[in-house]
């Protein structure tokens, strides 16, 4: 199974949603050795990668908290391969 997770709030250690998302990702990967993750991150590709096993990162180029996010995130995600999408917010 491949799960896409909206990890755009995973920006720094002080982020509450970022910590939640990172702990969720680590827990899922340790619970299922066959699981693959697609982490949807905000910003440029030159951001420091998370370097997690079986986790691929894709970067979206539009603002994080824009009210138009649902309209522009959906077409972007249609180009990706995954079975389930989870957004923590």
PDB file of N, CA and C in Angstrom:
ATOM      1  N   UNK A   1       0.842  -1.171   0.000  1.00  0.00           N
ATOM      2  CA  UNK A   1       0.000   0.000   0.000  1.00  0.00           C
ATOM      3  C   UNK A   1       0.890   1.237   0.000  1.00  0.00           C
ATOM      4  N   UNK A   2       0.412   2.284  -0.628  1.00  0.00           N
ATOM      5  CA  UNK A   2       1.135   3.560  -0.681  1.00  0.00           C
ATOM      6  C   UNK A   2       0.191   4.656  -0.176  1.00  0.00           C
ATOM      7  N   UNK A   3       0.611   5.336   0.885  1.00  0.00           N
ATOM      8  CA  UNK A   3      -0.195   6.384   1.504  1.00  0.00           C
ATOM      9  C   UNK A   3       0.449   7.737   1.233  1.00  0.00           C
ATOM     10  N   UNK A   4      -0.341   8.674   0.726  1.00  0.00           N
ATOM     11  CA  UNK A   4       0.107  10.058   0.568  1.00  0.00           C
ATOM     12  C   UNK A   4      -0.286  10.820   1.826  1.00  0.00           C
ATOM     13  N   UNK A   5       0.666  11.542   2.377  1.00  0.00           N
ATOM     14  CA  UNK A   5       0.419  12.318   3.597  1.00  0.00           C
ATOM     15  C   UNK A   5       0.767  13.773   3.318  1.00  0.00           C
ATOM     16  N   UNK A   6      -0.166  14.652   3.644  1.00  0.00           N
ATOM     17  CA  UNK A   6       0.077  16.079   3.508  1.00  0.00           C
ATOM     18  C   UNK A   6       1.033  16.491   4.628  1.00  0.00           C
ATOM     19  N   UNK A   7       2.296  16.648   4.289  1.00  0.00           N
ATOM     20  CA  UNK A   7       3.332  16.973   5.276  1.00  0.00           C
ATOM     21  C   UNK A   7       3.823  18.407   5.095  1.00  0.00           C
ATOM     22  N   UNK A   8       2.972  19.279   4.591  1.00  0.00           N
ATOM     23  CA  UNK A   8       3.385  20.661   4.344  1.00  0.00           C
ATOM     24  C   UNK A   8       3.631  21.438   5.630  1.00  0.00           C
ATOM     25  N   UNK A   9       3.069  21.023   6.746  1.00  0.00           N
ATOM     26  CA  UNK A   9       3.325  21.695   8.028  1.00  0.00           C
ATOM     27  C   UNK A   9       4.603  21.172   8.691  1.00  0.00           C
ATOM     28  N   UNK A  10       5.231  20.191   8.083  1.00  0.00           N
ATOM     29  CA  UNK A  10       6.468  19.616   8.622  1.00  0.00           C
ATOM     30  C   UNK A  10       7.631  20.508   8.195  1.00  0.00           C
ATOM     31  N   UNK A  11       7.789  21.623   8.915  1.00  0.00           N
ATOM     32  CA  UNK A  11       8.772  22.628   8.517  1.00  0.00           C
ATOM     33  C   UNK A  11       9.900  22.805   9.525  1.00  0.00           C
ATOM     34  N   UNK A  12       9.602  22.680  10.814  1.00  0.00           N
ATOM     35  CA  UNK A  12      10.637  22.828  11.834  1.00  0.00           C
ATOM     36  C   UNK A  12      10.211  22.094  13.093  1.00  0.00           C
ATOM     37  N   UNK A  13      11.145  21.917  13.999  1.00  0.00           N
ATOM     38  CA  UNK A  13      10.920  21.091  15.193  1.00  0.00           C
ATOM     39  C   UNK A  13       9.829  21.642  16.109  1.00  0.00           C
ATOM     40  N   UNK A  14       9.586  22.942  16.085  1.00  0.00           N
ATOM     41  CA  UNK A  14       8.604  23.538  16.993  1.00  0.00           C
ATOM     42  C   UNK A  14       7.171  23.440  16.488  1.00  0.00           C
ATOM     43  N   UNK A  15       6.976  22.926  15.304  1.00  0.00           N
ATOM     44  CA  UNK A  15       5.644  22.857  14.723  1.00  0.00           C
ATOM     45  C   UNK A  15       4.846  21.716  15.345  1.00  0.00           C
ATOM     46  N   UNK A  16       3.698  22.036  15.953  1.00  0.00           N
ATOM     47  CA  UNK A  16       2.861  20.992  16.553  1.00  0.00           C
ATOM     48  C   UNK A  16       2.363  19.991  15.534  1.00  0.00           C
ATOM     49  N   UNK A  17       1.802  20.490  14.428  1.00  0.00           N
ATOM     50  CA  UNK A  17       1.356  19.591  13.360  1.00  0.00           C
ATOM     51  C   UNK A  17       2.540  18.908  12.693  1.00  0.00           C
ATOM     52  N   UNK A  18       3.669  19.587  12.638  1.00  0.00           N
ATOM     53  CA  UNK A  18       4.870  18.976  12.082  1.00  0.00           C
ATOM     54  C   UNK A  18       5.331  17.794  12.917  1.00  0.00           C
ATOM     55  N   UNK A  19       5.351  17.959  14.241  1.00  0.00           N
ATOM     56  CA  UNK A  19       5.725  16.856  15.136  1.00  0.00           C
ATOM     57  C   UNK A  19       4.735  15.708  15.032  1.00  0.00           C
ATOM     58  N   UNK A  20       3.459  16.041  14.998  1.00  0.00           N
ATOM     59  CA  UNK A  20       2.428  15.017  14.850  1.00  0.00           C
ATOM     60  C   UNK A  20       2.641  14.220  13.560  1.00  0.00           C
ATOM     61  N   UNK A  21       2.873  14.940  12.458  1.00  0.00           N
ATOM     62  CA  UNK A  21       3.052  14.291  11.159  1.00  0.00           C
ATOM     63  C   UNK A  21       4.303  13.428  11.149  1.00  0.00           C
ATOM     64  N   UNK A  22       5.406  13.934  11.676  1.00  0.00           N
ATOM     65  CA  UNK A  22       6.647  13.158  11.702  1.00  0.00           C
ATOM     66  C   UNK A  22       6.484  11.896  12.545  1.00  0.00           C
ATOM     67  N   UNK A  23       5.841  11.996  13.700  1.00  0.00           N
ATOM     68  CA  UNK A  23       5.611  10.815  14.541  1.00  0.00           C
ATOM     69  C   UNK A  23       4.673   9.821  13.861  1.00  0.00           C
ATOM     70  N   UNK A  24       3.665  10.324  13.162  1.00  0.00           N
ATOM     71  CA  UNK A  24       2.756   9.451  12.414  1.00  0.00           C
ATOM     72  C   UNK A  24       3.525   8.697  11.335  1.00  0.00           C
ATOM     73  N   UNK A  25       4.342   9.411  10.577  1.00  0.00           N
ATOM     74  CA  UNK A  25       5.125   8.795   9.498  1.00  0.00           C
ATOM     75  C   UNK A  25       6.057   7.719  10.058  1.00  0.00           C
ATOM     76  N   UNK A  26       6.780   8.045  11.103  1.00  0.00           N
ATOM     77  CA  UNK A  26       7.710   7.065  11.708  1.00  0.00           C
ATOM     78  C   UNK A  26       6.959   5.854  12.244  1.00  0.00           C
ATOM     79  N   UNK A  27       5.807   6.081  12.882  1.00  0.00           N
ATOM     80  CA  UNK A  27       5.016   4.974  13.414  1.00  0.00           C
ATOM     81  C   UNK A  27       4.475   4.074  12.316  1.00  0.00           C
ATOM     82  N   UNK A  28       3.969   4.661  11.245  1.00  0.00           N
ATOM     83  CA  UNK A  28       3.454   3.863  10.130  1.00  0.00           C
ATOM     84  C   UNK A  28       4.556   3.031   9.483  1.00  0.00           C
ATOM     85  N   UNK A  29       5.718   3.642   9.275  1.00  0.00           N
ATOM     86  CA  UNK A  29       6.822   2.919   8.643  1.00  0.00           C
ATOM     87  C   UNK A  29       7.327   1.776   9.516  1.00  0.00           C
ATOM     88  N   UNK A  30       7.343   1.968  10.834  1.00  0.00           N
ATOM     89  CA  UNK A  30       7.811   0.893  11.711  1.00  0.00           C
ATOM     90  C   UNK A  30       6.759  -0.202  11.882  1.00  0.00           C
ATOM     91  N   UNK A  31       5.482   0.147  11.738  1.00  0.00           N
ATOM     92  CA  UNK A  31       4.410  -0.838  11.925  1.00  0.00           C
ATOM     93  C   UNK A  31       4.245  -1.760  10.726  1.00  0.00           C
ATOM     94  N   UNK A  32       4.572  -1.285   9.528  1.00  0.00           N
ATOM     95  CA  UNK A  32       4.343  -2.077   8.314  1.00  0.00           C
ATOM     96  C   UNK A  32       5.563  -2.008   7.409  1.00  0.00           C
ATOM     97  N   UNK A  33       6.349  -3.075   7.332  1.00  0.00           N
ATOM     98  CA  UNK A  33       7.564  -3.049   6.519  1.00  0.00           C
ATOM     99  C   UNK A  33       7.299  -2.988   5.014  1.00  0.00           C
ATOM    100  N   UNK A  34       6.063  -3.209   4.581  1.00  0.00           N
ATOM    101  CA  UNK A  34       5.731  -3.156   3.158  1.00  0.00           C
ATOM    102  C   UNK A  34       5.104  -1.827   2.738  1.00  0.00           C
ATOM    103  N   UNK A  35       4.875  -0.957   3.682  1.00  0.00           N
ATOM    104  CA  UNK A  35       4.214   0.317   3.419  1.00  0.00           C
ATOM    105  C   UNK A  35       5.163   1.298   2.732  1.00  0.00           C
ATOM    106  N   UNK A  36       4.626   2.035   1.765  1.00  0.00           N
ATOM    107  CA  UNK A  36       5.357   3.129   1.125  1.00  0.00           C
ATOM    108  C   UNK A  36       4.589   4.416   1.392  1.00  0.00           C
ATOM    109  N   UNK A  37       5.335   5.508   1.557  1.00  0.00           N
ATOM    110  CA  UNK A  37       4.705   6.802   1.816  1.00  0.00           C
ATOM    111  C   UNK A  37       5.093   7.809   0.746  1.00  0.00           C
ATOM    112  N   UNK A  38       4.162   8.672   0.443  1.00  0.00           N
ATOM    113  CA  UNK A  38       4.393   9.809  -0.429  1.00  0.00           C
ATOM    114  C   UNK A  38       4.139  11.048   0.420  1.00  0.00           C
ATOM    115  N   UNK A  39       5.193  11.789   0.735  1.00  0.00           N
ATOM    116  CA  UNK A  39       5.063  12.963   1.587  1.00  0.00           C
ATOM    117  C   UNK A  39       4.953  14.206   0.725  1.00  0.00           C
ATOM    118  N   UNK A  40       3.833  14.883   0.848  1.00  0.00           N
ATOM    119  CA  UNK A  40       3.589  16.114   0.096  1.00  0.00           C
ATOM    120  C   UNK A  40       4.118  17.263   0.937  1.00  0.00           C
ATOM    121  N   UNK A  41       5.200  17.891   0.456  1.00  0.00           N
ATOM    122  CA  UNK A  41       5.843  18.965   1.212  1.00  0.00           C
ATOM    123  C   UNK A  41       5.748  20.275   0.459  1.00  0.00           C
ATOM    124  N   UNK A  42       5.869  21.339   1.185  1.00  0.00           N
ATOM    125  CA  UNK A  42       5.780  22.670   0.609  1.00  0.00           C
ATOM    126  C   UNK A  42       7.177  23.199   0.301  1.00  0.00           C
ATOM    127  N   UNK A  43       7.284  24.015  -0.705  1.00  0.00           N
ATOM    128  CA  UNK A  43       8.549  24.689  -0.973  1.00  0.00           C
ATOM    129  C   UNK A  43       9.351  24.073  -2.094  1.00  0.00           C
ATOM    130  N   UNK A  44      10.607  24.450  -2.110  1.00  0.00           N
ATOM    131  CA  UNK A  44      11.508  24.023  -3.174  1.00  0.00           C
ATOM    132  C   UNK A  44      12.113  22.653  -2.879  1.00  0.00           C
ATOM    133  N   UNK A  45      12.570  21.998  -3.917  1.00  0.00           N
ATOM    134  CA  UNK A  45      13.180  20.675  -3.789  1.00  0.00           C
ATOM    135  C   UNK A  45      14.514  20.698  -3.062  1.00  0.00           C
ATOM    136  N   UNK A  46      15.132  21.851  -2.921  1.00  0.00           N
ATOM    137  CA  UNK A  46      16.437  21.879  -2.257  1.00  0.00           C
ATOM    138  C   UNK A  46      16.313  21.924  -0.733  1.00  0.00           C
ATOM    139  N   UNK A  47      15.101  21.819  -0.216  1.00  0.00           N
ATOM    140  CA  UNK A  47      14.897  21.713   1.233  1.00  0.00           C
ATOM    141  C   UNK A  47      15.531  20.415   1.720  1.00  0.00           C
ATOM    142  N   UNK A  48      16.012  20.388   2.946  1.00  0.00           N
ATOM    143  CA  UNK A  48      16.653  19.194   3.480  1.00  0.00           C
ATOM    144  C   UNK A  48      15.645  18.045   3.504  1.00  0.00           C
ATOM    145  N   UNK A  49      15.966  16.918   2.846  1.00  0.00           N
ATOM    146  CA  UNK A  49      15.027  15.789   2.839  1.00  0.00           C
ATOM    147  C   UNK A  49      14.947  15.130   4.213  1.00  0.00           C
ATOM    148  N   UNK A  50      13.874  14.431   4.457  1.00  0.00           N
ATOM    149  CA  UNK A  50      13.686  13.758   5.742  1.00  0.00           C
ATOM    150  C   UNK A  50      14.494  12.472   5.842  1.00  0.00           C
ATOM    151  N   UNK A  51      14.878  11.900   4.720  1.00  0.00           N
ATOM    152  CA  UNK A  51      15.704  10.693   4.683  1.00  0.00           C
ATOM    153  C   UNK A  51      15.069   9.548   5.482  1.00  0.00           C
ATOM    154  N   UNK A  52      13.820   9.262   5.182  1.00  0.00           N
ATOM    155  CA  UNK A  52      13.106   8.160   5.811  1.00  0.00           C
ATOM    156  C   UNK A  52      13.037   6.992   4.831  1.00  0.00           C
ATOM    157  N   UNK A  53      13.157   5.761   5.330  1.00  0.00           N
ATOM    158  CA  UNK A  53      13.064   4.624   4.411  1.00  0.00           C
ATOM    159  C   UNK A  53      11.655   4.499   3.826  1.00  0.00           C
ATOM    160  N   UNK A  54      11.571   4.156   2.565  1.00  0.00           N
ATOM    161  CA  UNK A  54      10.302   3.908   1.870  1.00  0.00           C
ATOM    162  C   UNK A  54       9.387   5.133   1.833  1.00  0.00           C
ATOM    163  N   UNK A  55       9.989   6.324   1.911  1.00  0.00           N
ATOM    164  CA  UNK A  55       9.207   7.561   1.849  1.00  0.00           C
ATOM    165  C   UNK A  55       9.753   8.438   0.733  1.00  0.00           C
ATOM    166  N   UNK A  56       8.888   8.774  -0.200  1.00  0.00           N
ATOM    167  CA  UNK A  56       9.243   9.672  -1.299  1.00  0.00           C
ATOM    168  C   UNK A  56       8.634  11.034  -1.008  1.00  0.00           C
ATOM    169  N   UNK A  57       9.353  12.084  -1.363  1.00  0.00           N
ATOM    170  CA  UNK A  57       8.848  13.435  -1.160  1.00  0.00           C
ATOM    171  C   UNK A  57       8.526  14.083  -2.498  1.00  0.00           C
ATOM    172  N   UNK A  58       7.399  14.781  -2.541  1.00  0.00           N
ATOM    173  CA  UNK A  58       7.070  15.648  -3.667  1.00  0.00           C
ATOM    174  C   UNK A  58       6.827  17.032  -3.078  1.00  0.00           C
ATOM    175  N   UNK A  59       7.183  18.056  -3.834  1.00  0.00           N
ATOM    176  CA  UNK A  59       7.078  19.424  -3.340  1.00  0.00           C
ATOM    177  C   UNK A  59       6.068  20.198  -4.167  1.00  0.00           C
ATOM    178  N   UNK A  60       5.165  20.859  -3.469  1.00  0.00           N
ATOM    179  CA  UNK A  60       4.159  21.676  -4.145  1.00  0.00           C
ATOM    180  C   UNK A  60       4.635  23.123  -4.141  1.00  0.00           C
ATOM    181  N   UNK A  61       4.471  23.820  -5.259  1.00  0.00           N
ATOM    182  CA  UNK A  61       5.019  25.165  -5.383  1.00  0.00           C
ATOM    183  C   UNK A  61       4.074  26.301  -4.995  1.00  0.00           C
ATOM    184  N   UNK A  62       2.948  25.997  -4.363  1.00  0.00           N
ATOM    185  CA  UNK A  62       1.999  27.065  -4.046  1.00  0.00           C
ATOM    186  C   UNK A  62       1.908  27.276  -2.539  1.00  0.00           C
ATOM    187  N   UNK A  63       1.350  28.414  -2.116  1.00  0.00           N
ATOM    188  CA  UNK A  63       1.329  28.776  -0.695  1.00  0.00           C
ATOM    189  C   UNK A  63       0.652  27.719   0.183  1.00  0.00           C
ATOM    190  N   UNK A  64       1.171  27.612   1.386  1.00  0.00           N
ATOM    191  CA  UNK A  64       0.723  26.590   2.331  1.00  0.00           C
ATOM    192  C   UNK A  64      -0.720  26.761   2.783  1.00  0.00           C
ATOM    193  N   UNK A  65      -1.083  27.937   3.220  1.00  0.00           N
ATOM    194  CA  UNK A  65      -2.401  28.148   3.821  1.00  0.00           C
ATOM    195  C   UNK A  65      -3.356  28.942   2.936  1.00  0.00           C
ATOM    196  N   UNK A  66      -3.198  28.821   1.645  1.00  0.00           N
ATOM    197  CA  UNK A  66      -4.074  29.534   0.722  1.00  0.00           C
ATOM    198  C   UNK A  66      -5.479  28.926   0.752  1.00  0.00           C
ATOM    199  N   UNK A  67      -6.520  29.753   0.697  1.00  0.00           N
ATOM    200  CA  UNK A  67      -7.876  29.199   0.637  1.00  0.00           C
ATOM    201  C   UNK A  67      -8.127  28.429  -0.669  1.00  0.00           C
ATOM    202  N   UNK A  68      -7.263  28.608  -1.635  1.00  0.00           N
ATOM    203  CA  UNK A  68      -7.396  27.897  -2.905  1.00  0.00           C
ATOM    204  C   UNK A  68      -6.684  26.546  -2.903  1.00  0.00           C
ATOM    205  N   UNK A  69      -6.063  26.191  -1.791  1.00  0.00           N
ATOM    206  CA  UNK A  69      -5.301  24.939  -1.722  1.00  0.00           C
ATOM    207  C   UNK A  69      -6.095  23.719  -2.181  1.00  0.00           C
ATOM    208  N   UNK A  70      -7.337  23.522  -1.735  1.00  0.00           N
ATOM    209  CA  UNK A  70      -8.061  22.332  -2.206  1.00  0.00           C
ATOM    210  C   UNK A  70      -8.225  22.295  -3.727  1.00  0.00           C
ATOM    211  N   UNK A  71      -8.362  23.453  -4.325  1.00  0.00           N
ATOM    212  CA  UNK A  71      -8.545  23.503  -5.781  1.00  0.00           C
ATOM    213  C   UNK A  71      -7.256  23.222  -6.543  1.00  0.00           C
ATOM    214  N   UNK A  72      -6.124  23.637  -5.993  1.00  0.00           N
ATOM    215  CA  UNK A  72      -4.871  23.422  -6.720  1.00  0.00           C
ATOM    216  C   UNK A  72      -4.118  22.176  -6.257  1.00  0.00           C
ATOM    217  N   UNK A  73      -4.367  21.719  -5.050  1.00  0.00           N
ATOM    218  CA  UNK A  73      -3.686  20.507  -4.576  1.00  0.00           C
ATOM    219  C   UNK A  73      -4.255  19.260  -5.263  1.00  0.00           C
ATOM    220  N   UNK A  74      -5.555  19.225  -5.482  1.00  0.00           N
ATOM    221  CA  UNK A  74      -6.182  18.040  -6.099  1.00  0.00           C
ATOM    222  C   UNK A  74      -5.612  17.722  -7.480  1.00  0.00           C
ATOM    223  N   UNK A  75      -5.524  18.671  -8.411  1.00  0.00           N
ATOM    224  CA  UNK A  75      -4.935  18.344  -9.720  1.00  0.00           C
ATOM    225  C   UNK A  75      -3.468  17.926  -9.619  1.00  0.00           C
ATOM    226  N   UNK A  76      -2.733  18.534  -8.688  1.00  0.00           N
ATOM    227  CA  UNK A  76      -1.333  18.158  -8.490  1.00  0.00           C
ATOM    228  C   UNK A  76      -1.228  16.698  -8.045  1.00  0.00           C
ATOM    229  N   UNK A  77      -2.097  16.311  -7.109  1.00  0.00           N
ATOM    230  CA  UNK A  77      -2.041  14.942  -6.570  1.00  0.00           C
ATOM    231  C   UNK A  77      -2.506  13.897  -7.583  1.00  0.00           C
ATOM    232  N   UNK A  78      -3.315  14.284  -8.541  1.00  0.00           N
ATOM    233  CA  UNK A  78      -3.758  13.324  -9.560  1.00  0.00           C
ATOM    234  C   UNK A  78      -2.592  12.792 -10.382  1.00  0.00           C
ATOM    235  N   UNK A  79      -1.493  13.511 -10.413  1.00  0.00           N
ATOM    236  CA  UNK A  79      -0.310  13.062 -11.160  1.00  0.00           C
ATOM    237  C   UNK A  79       0.536  12.081 -10.358  1.00  0.00           C
ATOM    238  N   UNK A  80       0.188  11.866  -9.091  1.00  0.00           N
ATOM    239  CA  UNK A  80       0.952  10.977  -8.211  1.00  0.00           C
ATOM    240  C   UNK A  80       0.230   9.638  -8.063  1.00  0.00           C
ATOM    241  N   UNK A  81       0.992   8.627  -7.645  1.00  0.00           N
ATOM    242  CA  UNK A  81       0.422   7.295  -7.434  1.00  0.00           C
ATOM    243  C   UNK A  81       0.330   7.037  -5.929  1.00  0.00           C
ATOM    244  N   UNK A  82      -0.899   6.759  -5.448  1.00  0.00           N
ATOM    245  CA  UNK A  82      -1.104   6.413  -4.035  1.00  0.00           C
ATOM    246  C   UNK A  82      -2.480   5.781  -3.882  1.00  0.00           C
ATOM    247  N   UNK A  83      -2.676   5.075  -2.767  1.00  0.00           N
ATOM    248  CA  UNK A  83      -3.941   4.393  -2.494  1.00  0.00           C
ATOM    249  C   UNK A  83      -4.845   5.192  -1.562  1.00  0.00           C
ATOM    250  N   UNK A  84      -4.239   5.889  -0.594  1.00  0.00           N
ATOM    251  CA  UNK A  84      -4.981   6.639   0.423  1.00  0.00           C
ATOM    252  C   UNK A  84      -4.296   7.975   0.621  1.00  0.00           C
ATOM    253  N   UNK A  85      -5.083   9.037   0.832  1.00  0.00           N
ATOM    254  CA  UNK A  85      -4.537  10.346   1.150  1.00  0.00           C
ATOM    255  C   UNK A  85      -4.938  10.737   2.565  1.00  0.00           C
ATOM    256  N   UNK A  86      -3.956  11.231   3.354  1.00  0.00           N
ATOM    257  CA  UNK A  86      -4.254  11.706   4.710  1.00  0.00           C
ATOM    258  C   UNK A  86      -3.741  13.122   4.872  1.00  0.00           C
ATOM    259  N   UNK A  87      -4.599  13.990   5.385  1.00  0.00           N
ATOM    260  CA  UNK A  87      -4.199  15.339   5.721  1.00  0.00           C
ATOM    261  C   UNK A  87      -4.491  15.562   7.206  1.00  0.00           C
ATOM    262  N   UNK A  88      -3.484  15.938   7.989  1.00  0.00           N
ATOM    263  CA  UNK A  88      -3.703  16.079   9.431  1.00  0.00           C
ATOM    264  C   UNK A  88      -4.463  17.347   9.830  1.00  0.00           C
ATOM    265  N   UNK A  89      -4.793  18.195   8.853  1.00  0.00           N
ATOM    266  CA  UNK A  89      -5.538  19.415   9.185  1.00  0.00           C
ATOM    267  C   UNK A  89      -6.569  19.718   8.141  1.00  0.00           C
TER     268      UNK A  89
END
